[in-house]
């Protein structure tokens, strides 16, 4: 089965909207004492929570990830590859750029802490630089489960995501009808169930179970929207698909039944739009743009909050930025130059990172585990350490309480090294990817 350009488009589209959404909802204010704050737009201007319906597109990323991973695992398995070798290869592609990014940010945290930077400021910056990390541990765990999930798919097909969805929807309702603390603990399984539904639907899509006519996609799109409307209208869940401070229930922490319904609706819409978008992607110019975004997807995803810090220092700490009322018409008008400036800064950051990107891609090719690795304890231990460290950073930032996170930093570094040590035997699995392809597949 050849490479599907539409799958690459969905990944690029998801990354682009994540970056744009984070920039759009990030607002800065210069206080009278000269410090800079970042009021939470979704809490301060509640109507903006409706915007999250358009910007919460991570279900598309998991859908595309399942499609691509299913094909990758089948090729590796048919070539004699092992579970350990394949999981190690996929994990390393994501961990190397993530560890490099984290290492540079943590170095800056350590230097700023030693220089006496205010702890509250350091904690805020550390949180901003890690706000996108929630995705990484979830994706790593689901990737590690791919051989099992694909085996279930081969046996039961669409019944697998249907069953996962029913369980996930039930778990998502525990916070409404049960003890909130107990529901929070049990609800963590929904990070795998809800996002796993989209991932599992990627298998079904690849194998043609969702593309036999328009009935199934239309049913998913309409049914998902109707269920979502019921859960956030007369139902108990908020409309925001991003965590909002002060809300008793959240659709993302952990993923709720409403998020599950919206994910199903998004997958249905994506399938309905596939034929038309594929025709557009046949054009050289459109495909070149998708390839450009896809080739830099990890850099865009990891580094897109750095421009916010640069602009804050250049325009807000200096008092050069105009400050209309937060959320006013003038404030929204200024969102246009805000986004343009951030885009220009990010373009410069990505350009400056090109040597590092090429070096990491080359390192990934040299270190990637061979296809003959068999359930090596080092790889699984390294993956576990990495998932734990990334989950910590996602929940606490890089400088929780204004202090340096020693053990999570050690965990991520040691975990990445342990995964990289499993060279194994049996060649290089699917073949050594080019640097651009390696970075695309890491995403």
Protein backbone atom coordinates (compact mmCIF):
# COMPACT_ATOMS: atom_id res chain seq x y z
CA UNK A 1 0.00 0.00 0.00
CA UNK A 2 1.50 3.30 -1.08
CA UNK A 3 1.98 6.37 1.04
CA UNK A 4 -1.28 8.28 1.49
CA UNK A 5 -0.75 12.02 1.16
CA UNK A 6 -3.97 12.69 3.05
CA UNK A 7 -2.54 11.03 6.17
CA UNK A 8 0.46 13.37 6.03
CA UNK A 9 -1.93 16.28 5.50
CA UNK A 10 -3.91 15.38 8.64
CA UNK A 11 -0.72 15.31 10.70
CA UNK A 12 0.45 18.65 9.31
CA UNK A 13 -3.02 20.18 9.76
CA UNK A 14 -3.20 19.01 13.37
CA UNK A 15 0.24 20.38 14.24
CA UNK A 16 -0.51 23.69 12.53
CA UNK A 17 -3.76 24.19 14.43
CA UNK A 18 -2.18 23.22 17.75
CA UNK A 19 0.48 25.90 17.27
CA UNK A 20 -2.03 28.51 16.10
CA UNK A 21 -4.45 27.67 18.92
CA UNK A 22 -1.80 27.97 21.63
CA UNK A 23 -0.67 31.31 20.25
CA UNK A 24 -4.21 32.62 19.93
CA UNK A 25 -5.22 31.90 23.52
CA UNK A 26 -1.93 33.10 25.01
CA UNK A 27 -2.35 36.72 26.05
CA UNK A 28 0.25 38.79 27.88
CA UNK A 29 -0.12 41.78 30.19
CA UNK A 30 2.54 44.11 31.58
CA UNK A 31 1.89 44.87 35.24
CA UNK A 32 2.58 48.16 36.97
CA UNK A 33 5.71 46.75 38.60
CA UNK A 34 7.16 45.89 35.17
CA UNK A 35 6.52 42.15 35.36
CA UNK A 36 4.61 40.26 32.66
CA UNK A 37 1.63 38.02 33.34
CA UNK A 38 -0.39 35.66 31.17
CA UNK A 39 -4.09 35.72 32.13
CA UNK A 40 -5.98 32.60 31.08
CA UNK A 41 -8.10 33.69 28.13
CA UNK A 42 -10.57 30.80 28.32
CA UNK A 43 -11.34 31.63 31.95
CA UNK A 44 -11.22 35.42 31.60
CA UNK A 45 -13.31 35.61 28.40
CA UNK A 46 -15.59 32.55 28.68
CA UNK A 47 -17.09 32.73 25.17
CA UNK A 48 -13.66 31.87 23.74
CA UNK A 49 -14.15 28.32 25.03
CA UNK A 50 -16.24 27.71 21.91
CA UNK A 51 -13.10 28.29 19.82
CA UNK A 52 -11.62 25.09 21.20
CA UNK A 53 -14.08 23.07 19.11
CA UNK A 54 -12.10 24.10 16.05
CA UNK A 55 -8.62 23.99 17.54
CA UNK A 56 -8.78 20.70 19.47
CA UNK A 57 -7.75 18.48 16.57
CA UNK A 58 -5.56 15.93 18.30
CA UNK A 59 -8.06 13.16 17.40
CA UNK A 60 -6.91 13.66 13.80
CA UNK A 61 -3.30 13.21 14.87
CA UNK A 62 -4.10 9.92 16.61
CA UNK A 63 -6.17 8.81 13.60
CA UNK A 64 -3.26 9.48 11.25
CA UNK A 65 -0.85 7.91 13.75
CA UNK A 66 -2.87 4.71 13.86
CA UNK A 67 -3.05 4.57 10.07
CA UNK A 68 0.72 5.01 9.71
CA UNK A 69 1.70 2.79 12.63
CA UNK A 70 -0.53 -0.04 11.43
CA UNK A 71 1.23 -0.10 8.09
CA UNK A 72 4.65 0.23 9.69
CA UNK A 73 4.04 -2.67 12.08
CA UNK A 74 2.72 -4.93 9.31
CA UNK A 75 5.80 -4.27 7.18
CA UNK A 76 8.16 -4.90 10.10
CA UNK A 77 6.32 -8.06 11.18
CA UNK A 78 6.24 -9.48 7.66
CA UNK A 79 9.97 -8.84 7.35
CA UNK A 80 10.64 -10.86 10.51
CA UNK A 81 10.89 -7.95 12.93
CA UNK A 82 10.07 -8.25 16.61
CA UNK A 83 7.84 -6.24 18.91
CA UNK A 84 10.81 -4.93 20.88
CA UNK A 85 12.70 -3.84 17.80
CA UNK A 86 9.73 -2.07 16.24
CA UNK A 87 8.65 -0.29 19.43
CA UNK A 88 12.22 0.80 20.08
CA UNK A 89 12.54 2.25 16.59
CA UNK A 90 9.32 4.24 16.86
CA UNK A 91 10.03 5.44 20.40
CA UNK A 92 13.55 6.60 19.60
CA UNK A 93 12.35 8.79 16.72
CA UNK A 94 10.20 10.72 19.15
CA UNK A 95 12.45 10.62 22.20
CA UNK A 96 15.64 12.01 20.62
CA UNK A 97 14.23 15.40 19.56
CA UNK A 98 12.16 15.58 22.75
CA UNK A 99 15.19 14.89 24.94
CA UNK A 100 17.26 17.46 23.04
CA UNK A 101 14.55 20.09 23.48
CA UNK A 102 14.08 19.25 27.15
CA UNK A 103 17.81 19.29 27.78
CA UNK A 104 18.19 22.79 26.36
CA UNK A 105 15.18 24.11 28.27
CA UNK A 106 16.38 22.50 31.51
CA UNK A 107 19.83 24.00 30.99
CA UNK A 108 18.20 27.42 30.72
CA UNK A 109 16.14 26.71 33.87
CA UNK A 110 19.27 25.77 35.78
CA UNK A 111 21.16 28.89 34.66
CA UNK A 112 18.22 31.19 35.44
CA UNK A 113 17.72 29.57 38.83
CA UNK A 114 21.39 30.04 39.68
CA UNK A 115 21.19 33.66 38.52
CA UNK A 116 18.38 34.37 40.98
CA UNK A 117 15.45 34.70 38.60
CA UNK A 118 12.16 35.07 40.47
CA UNK A 119 10.71 31.64 41.25
CA UNK A 120 7.18 32.48 40.15
CA UNK A 121 8.45 33.76 36.82
CA UNK A 122 10.62 30.68 36.36
CA UNK A 123 7.68 28.39 37.17
CA UNK A 124 5.43 30.19 34.66
CA UNK A 125 8.03 29.99 31.90
CA UNK A 126 8.76 26.35 32.71
CA UNK A 127 5.06 25.54 32.46
CA UNK A 128 4.69 27.39 29.14
CA UNK A 129 7.58 25.45 27.61
CA UNK A 130 6.05 22.11 28.64
CA UNK A 131 2.33 22.77 28.06
CA UNK A 132 2.31 20.64 24.89
CA UNK A 133 3.91 17.62 26.57
CA UNK A 134 0.65 15.90 27.62
CA UNK A 135 0.53 14.31 24.18
CA UNK A 136 3.94 12.65 24.32
CA UNK A 137 3.56 10.05 27.12
CA UNK A 138 0.11 9.09 25.85
CA UNK A 139 1.37 8.60 22.30
CA UNK A 140 4.41 6.63 23.46
CA UNK A 141 2.27 4.21 25.48
CA UNK A 142 -0.23 3.71 22.65
CA UNK A 143 2.66 3.19 20.23
CA UNK A 144 4.11 0.53 22.53
CA UNK A 145 0.70 -1.19 22.56
CA UNK A 146 0.36 -1.10 18.76
CA UNK A 147 1.24 -4.78 18.12
CA UNK A 148 -1.40 -5.87 20.64
CA UNK A 149 -3.98 -3.35 19.42
CA UNK A 150 -3.41 -4.31 15.81
CA UNK A 151 -3.78 -7.98 16.69
CA UNK A 152 -7.16 -7.19 18.26
CA UNK A 153 -8.05 -5.22 15.15
CA UNK A 154 -7.30 -8.17 12.88
CA UNK A 155 -9.58 -10.37 14.94
CA UNK A 156 -12.50 -8.08 15.73
CA UNK A 157 -12.22 -5.03 13.45
CA UNK A 158 -14.62 -2.20 14.24
CA UNK A 159 -15.81 -3.94 17.38
CA UNK A 160 -12.53 -2.98 19.07
CA UNK A 161 -12.93 0.84 18.90
CA UNK A 162 -16.65 0.39 19.62
CA UNK A 163 -15.85 -1.55 22.80
CA UNK A 164 -13.13 0.89 23.82
CA UNK A 165 -15.53 3.76 23.25
CA UNK A 166 -18.26 2.20 25.39
CA UNK A 167 -15.85 1.61 28.26
CA UNK A 168 -14.27 5.04 27.82
CA UNK A 169 -17.67 6.73 27.78
CA UNK A 170 -18.62 4.95 30.98
CA UNK A 171 -15.36 5.86 32.68
CA UNK A 172 -15.80 9.45 31.50
CA UNK A 173 -19.12 9.67 33.34
CA UNK A 174 -17.63 8.61 36.68
CA UNK A 175 -16.66 12.17 37.51
CA UNK A 176 -20.31 13.15 37.19
CA UNK A 177 -22.04 10.38 39.13
CA UNK A 178 -19.29 9.10 41.43
CA UNK A 179 -16.70 10.28 43.92
CA UNK A 180 -14.55 12.86 42.14
CA UNK A 181 -11.25 11.75 43.68
CA UNK A 182 -11.84 8.08 42.84
CA UNK A 183 -13.10 9.04 39.40
CA UNK A 184 -9.92 11.02 38.82
CA UNK A 185 -7.74 8.00 39.51
CA UNK A 186 -9.82 5.62 37.40
CA UNK A 187 -10.28 8.28 34.73
CA UNK A 188 -6.60 8.25 33.82
CA UNK A 189 -7.29 5.11 31.80
CA UNK A 190 -9.28 7.32 29.44
CA UNK A 191 -6.05 8.84 28.15
CA UNK A 192 -5.55 5.46 26.50
CA UNK A 193 -9.19 4.59 25.80
CA UNK A 194 -10.41 7.86 24.27
CA UNK A 195 -7.30 8.67 22.23
CA UNK A 196 -6.95 4.95 21.57
CA UNK A 197 -10.34 4.94 19.84
CA UNK A 198 -9.07 7.44 17.25
CA UNK A 199 -5.82 5.46 16.92
CA UNK A 200 -7.72 2.19 16.47
CA UNK A 201 -9.98 3.82 13.87
CA UNK A 202 -6.76 4.58 11.98
CA UNK A 203 -6.23 0.82 11.62
CA UNK A 204 -9.82 0.39 10.41
CA UNK A 205 -9.43 3.23 7.92
CA UNK A 206 -6.19 1.82 6.52
CA UNK A 207 -7.75 -1.62 6.06
CA UNK A 208 -10.85 -0.23 4.32
CA UNK A 209 -13.40 -0.81 7.07
CA UNK A 210 -14.43 2.87 7.13
CA UNK A 211 -14.29 3.72 3.45
CA UNK A 212 -16.99 1.49 2.00
CA UNK A 213 -19.38 4.26 1.05
CA UNK A 214 -20.45 7.31 3.07
CA UNK A 215 -22.85 5.70 5.53
CA UNK A 216 -20.31 5.01 8.30
CA UNK A 217 -18.50 8.39 8.09
CA UNK A 218 -21.81 10.30 8.01
CA UNK A 219 -23.07 8.29 10.96
CA UNK A 220 -19.88 9.01 12.93
CA UNK A 221 -19.96 12.73 12.13
CA UNK A 222 -23.65 13.28 12.85
CA UNK A 223 -23.82 10.89 15.79
CA UNK A 224 -20.71 12.36 17.40
CA UNK A 225 -22.00 15.92 17.12
CA UNK A 226 -25.44 14.98 18.49
CA UNK A 227 -23.97 13.13 21.48
CA UNK A 228 -21.51 15.96 22.14
CA UNK A 229 -24.31 18.54 22.04
CA UNK A 230 -26.32 16.48 24.52
CA UNK A 231 -23.38 16.14 26.90
CA UNK A 232 -22.45 19.84 26.92
CA UNK A 233 -25.94 21.36 26.52
CA UNK A 234 -28.38 19.72 28.92
CA UNK A 235 -25.52 17.46 29.99
CA UNK A 236 -22.91 18.19 32.67
CA UNK A 237 -19.76 18.80 30.64
CA UNK A 238 -18.28 22.18 29.69
CA UNK A 239 -17.98 23.13 26.04
CA UNK A 240 -14.24 23.78 26.26
CA UNK A 241 -12.08 21.00 24.86
CA UNK A 242 -9.05 22.46 26.66
CA UNK A 243 -8.59 22.49 30.44
CA UNK A 244 -9.97 25.68 32.03
CA UNK A 245 -8.96 26.70 35.55
CA UNK A 246 -11.88 26.72 37.96
CA UNK A 247 -14.13 24.32 36.05
CA UNK A 248 -15.21 21.35 38.15
CA UNK A 249 -15.32 19.01 35.14
CA UNK A 250 -12.80 18.90 32.33
CA UNK A 251 -13.03 17.36 28.89
CA UNK A 252 -9.29 16.74 28.66
CA UNK A 253 -7.90 16.00 32.13
CA UNK A 254 -8.73 13.16 31.76
CA UNK A 255 -10.57 12.90 28.42
CA UNK A 256 -14.33 12.84 28.99
CA UNK A 257 -17.29 11.24 27.27
CA UNK A 258 -17.83 14.57 25.50
CA UNK A 259 -14.27 14.52 24.16
CA UNK A 260 -14.85 10.98 22.94
CA UNK A 261 -17.98 12.07 21.07
CA UNK A 262 -16.13 15.00 19.50
CA UNK A 263 -13.25 12.73 18.48
CA UNK A 264 -15.65 10.35 16.71
CA UNK A 265 -17.29 13.29 14.94
CA UNK A 266 -13.91 14.63 13.80
CA UNK A 267 -12.91 11.26 12.39
CA UNK A 268 -16.18 11.07 10.48
CA UNK A 269 -15.71 14.54 9.00
CA UNK A 270 -12.09 13.73 8.09
CA UNK A 271 -13.21 10.64 6.19
CA UNK A 272 -15.91 12.58 4.34
CA UNK A 273 -13.43 15.27 3.29
CA UNK A 274 -10.74 12.80 2.21
CA UNK A 275 -11.61 12.53 -1.53
CA UNK A 276 -11.73 16.29 -2.07
CA UNK A 277 -8.56 16.99 -0.11
CA UNK A 278 -6.72 14.20 -1.91
CA UNK A 279 -7.52 15.93 -5.22
CA UNK A 280 -6.04 19.16 -3.87
CA UNK A 281 -2.95 17.32 -2.65
CA UNK A 282 -2.31 16.10 -6.18
CA UNK A 283 -1.16 19.64 -6.95
CA UNK A 284 2.56 20.23 -6.62
CA UNK A 285 2.27 23.47 -4.67
CA UNK A 286 -0.18 22.20 -2.05
CA UNK A 287 1.75 18.99 -1.51
CA UNK A 288 5.03 20.89 -1.18
CA UNK A 289 3.51 23.01 1.59
CA UNK A 290 2.26 19.90 3.41
CA UNK A 291 5.68 18.28 3.09
CA UNK A 292 7.35 21.41 4.46
CA UNK A 293 5.15 21.44 7.55
CA UNK A 294 5.44 17.67 7.97
CA UNK A 295 9.21 17.72 7.67
CA UNK A 296 9.46 20.25 10.51
CA UNK A 297 6.56 18.95 12.57
CA UNK A 298 8.58 17.94 15.63
CA UNK A 299 10.41 21.27 15.72
CA UNK A 300 7.13 23.17 15.31
CA UNK A 301 5.45 21.16 18.02
CA UNK A 302 8.26 21.28 20.55
CA UNK A 303 9.52 24.84 20.05
CA UNK A 304 6.40 26.84 19.23
CA UNK A 305 6.13 28.50 22.67
CA UNK A 306 9.68 29.89 22.56
CA UNK A 307 8.59 32.76 20.26
CA UNK A 308 6.07 33.80 22.94
CA UNK A 309 8.93 34.25 25.40
CA UNK A 310 10.98 36.16 22.83
CA UNK A 311 8.12 38.51 22.01
CA UNK A 312 7.30 38.94 25.72
CA UNK A 313 10.87 40.04 26.42
CA UNK A 314 11.12 42.28 23.36
CA UNK A 315 7.74 44.02 23.50
CA UNK A 316 6.10 43.52 26.90
CA UNK A 317 8.98 43.75 29.36
CA UNK A 318 10.08 46.90 27.53
CA UNK A 319 6.58 48.37 27.47
CA UNK A 320 6.57 48.70 23.67
CA UNK A 321 3.44 46.57 23.17
CA UNK A 322 0.12 48.46 23.28
CA UNK A 323 -2.28 47.16 25.92
CA UNK A 324 -5.98 47.55 25.10
CA UNK A 325 -8.47 45.95 27.49
CA UNK A 326 -7.95 42.21 27.76
CA UNK A 327 -10.42 40.54 25.42
CA UNK A 328 -11.67 43.84 23.96
CA UNK A 329 -12.15 44.53 20.24
CA UNK A 330 -8.79 46.33 20.13
CA UNK A 331 -7.13 43.38 21.82
CA UNK A 332 -8.51 41.00 19.18
CA UNK A 333 -7.39 43.29 16.36
CA UNK A 334 -3.87 43.13 17.78
CA UNK A 335 -4.02 39.33 17.60
CA UNK A 336 -3.23 39.64 13.89
CA UNK A 337 0.22 41.27 14.25
CA UNK A 338 0.78 39.08 17.32
CA UNK A 339 0.36 35.93 15.25
CA UNK A 340 2.42 37.33 12.37
CA UNK A 341 5.34 38.24 14.62
CA UNK A 342 5.23 34.88 16.37
CA UNK A 343 5.20 33.14 13.00
CA UNK A 344 8.26 35.04 11.84
CA UNK A 345 10.13 34.29 15.05
CA UNK A 346 9.22 30.60 14.84
CA UNK A 347 10.40 30.47 11.23
CA UNK A 348 13.74 31.82 12.42
CA UNK A 349 13.87 29.29 15.26
CA UNK A 350 13.12 26.38 12.93
CA UNK A 351 15.75 27.60 10.45
CA UNK A 352 18.33 27.89 13.24
CA UNK A 353 17.46 24.37 14.43
CA UNK A 354 18.03 22.76 11.04
CA UNK A 355 21.58 21.56 11.86
CA UNK A 356 20.32 20.07 15.13
CA UNK A 357 17.39 18.42 13.32
CA UNK A 358 19.70 16.84 10.76
CA UNK A 359 22.08 15.66 13.46
CA UNK A 360 19.26 14.09 15.47
CA UNK A 361 17.81 12.38 12.41
CA UNK A 362 21.22 10.98 11.54
CA UNK A 363 21.72 9.86 15.15
CA UNK A 364 18.30 8.20 15.09
CA UNK A 365 19.31 6.19 12.02
CA UNK A 366 22.60 5.09 13.61
CA UNK A 367 21.11 4.19 16.99
CA UNK A 368 17.74 2.77 16.01
CA UNK A 369 17.28 -0.76 17.36
CA UNK A 370 17.66 -3.65 14.95
CA UNK A 371 14.60 -5.65 14.00
CA UNK A 372 15.91 -8.63 15.98
CA UNK A 373 15.64 -7.02 19.41
CA UNK A 374 13.46 -9.29 21.57
CA UNK A 375 11.65 -7.69 24.48
CA UNK A 376 14.93 -6.27 25.76
CA UNK A 377 14.54 -5.11 29.36
CA UNK A 378 16.62 -2.01 28.71
CA UNK A 379 14.28 -0.75 26.02
CA UNK A 380 11.13 -1.31 28.09
CA UNK A 381 12.72 0.13 31.23
CA UNK A 382 13.87 3.15 29.23
CA UNK A 383 10.43 3.61 27.73
CA UNK A 384 8.85 3.45 31.18
CA UNK A 385 11.26 6.02 32.62
CA UNK A 386 10.69 8.34 29.67
CA UNK A 387 6.91 8.10 29.92
CA UNK A 388 7.05 8.87 33.65
CA UNK A 389 9.35 11.88 33.14
CA UNK A 390 7.31 13.30 30.28
CA UNK A 391 4.09 12.87 32.27
CA UNK A 392 5.69 14.80 35.13
CA UNK A 393 6.76 17.64 32.85
CA UNK A 394 3.31 17.72 31.26
CA UNK A 395 1.64 18.11 34.64
CA UNK A 396 4.18 20.32 36.42
CA UNK A 397 6.31 22.06 33.82
CA UNK A 398 10.07 22.32 33.73
CA UNK A 399 10.37 24.39 36.91
CA UNK A 400 7.56 23.49 39.28
CA UNK A 401 7.66 25.84 42.25
CA UNK A 402 10.58 27.63 40.61
CA UNK A 403 12.96 24.74 41.31
CA UNK A 404 14.96 22.47 39.03
CA UNK A 405 13.28 19.04 38.50
CA UNK A 406 16.24 16.78 39.20
CA UNK A 407 14.67 13.32 39.12
CA UNK A 408 12.40 13.80 36.10
CA UNK A 409 15.39 15.22 34.21
CA UNK A 410 17.47 12.19 35.12
CA UNK A 411 14.56 9.92 34.21
CA UNK A 412 14.15 11.36 30.72
CA UNK A 413 17.89 11.31 30.03
CA UNK A 414 18.39 7.79 31.33
CA UNK A 415 15.24 6.55 29.62
CA UNK A 416 16.30 7.89 26.24
CA UNK A 417 19.77 6.36 26.60
CA UNK A 418 18.34 2.98 27.57
CA UNK A 419 16.07 2.93 24.53
CA UNK A 420 18.98 3.95 22.29
CA UNK A 421 21.26 1.19 23.63
CA UNK A 422 19.18 -1.62 22.11
CA UNK A 423 20.89 -2.04 18.76
CA UNK A 424 20.01 -5.74 18.72
CA UNK A 425 20.39 -7.96 15.70
CA UNK A 426 18.67 -8.55 12.43
CA UNK A 427 19.33 -5.39 10.48
CA UNK A 428 17.41 -2.17 10.54
CA UNK A 429 13.82 -3.30 10.22
CA UNK A 430 12.04 -1.18 7.65
CA UNK A 431 15.18 0.44 6.37
CA UNK A 432 16.91 3.63 7.33
CA UNK A 433 14.69 6.64 6.69
CA UNK A 434 15.89 9.94 5.35
CA UNK A 435 16.17 12.72 7.90
CA UNK A 436 12.93 14.33 6.76
CA UNK A 437 10.99 11.07 6.78
CA UNK A 438 12.39 10.15 10.19
CA UNK A 439 11.14 13.39 11.68
CA UNK A 440 7.73 13.05 9.99
CA UNK A 441 7.30 9.52 11.32
CA UNK A 442 8.45 10.55 14.77
CA UNK A 443 5.46 12.88 14.82
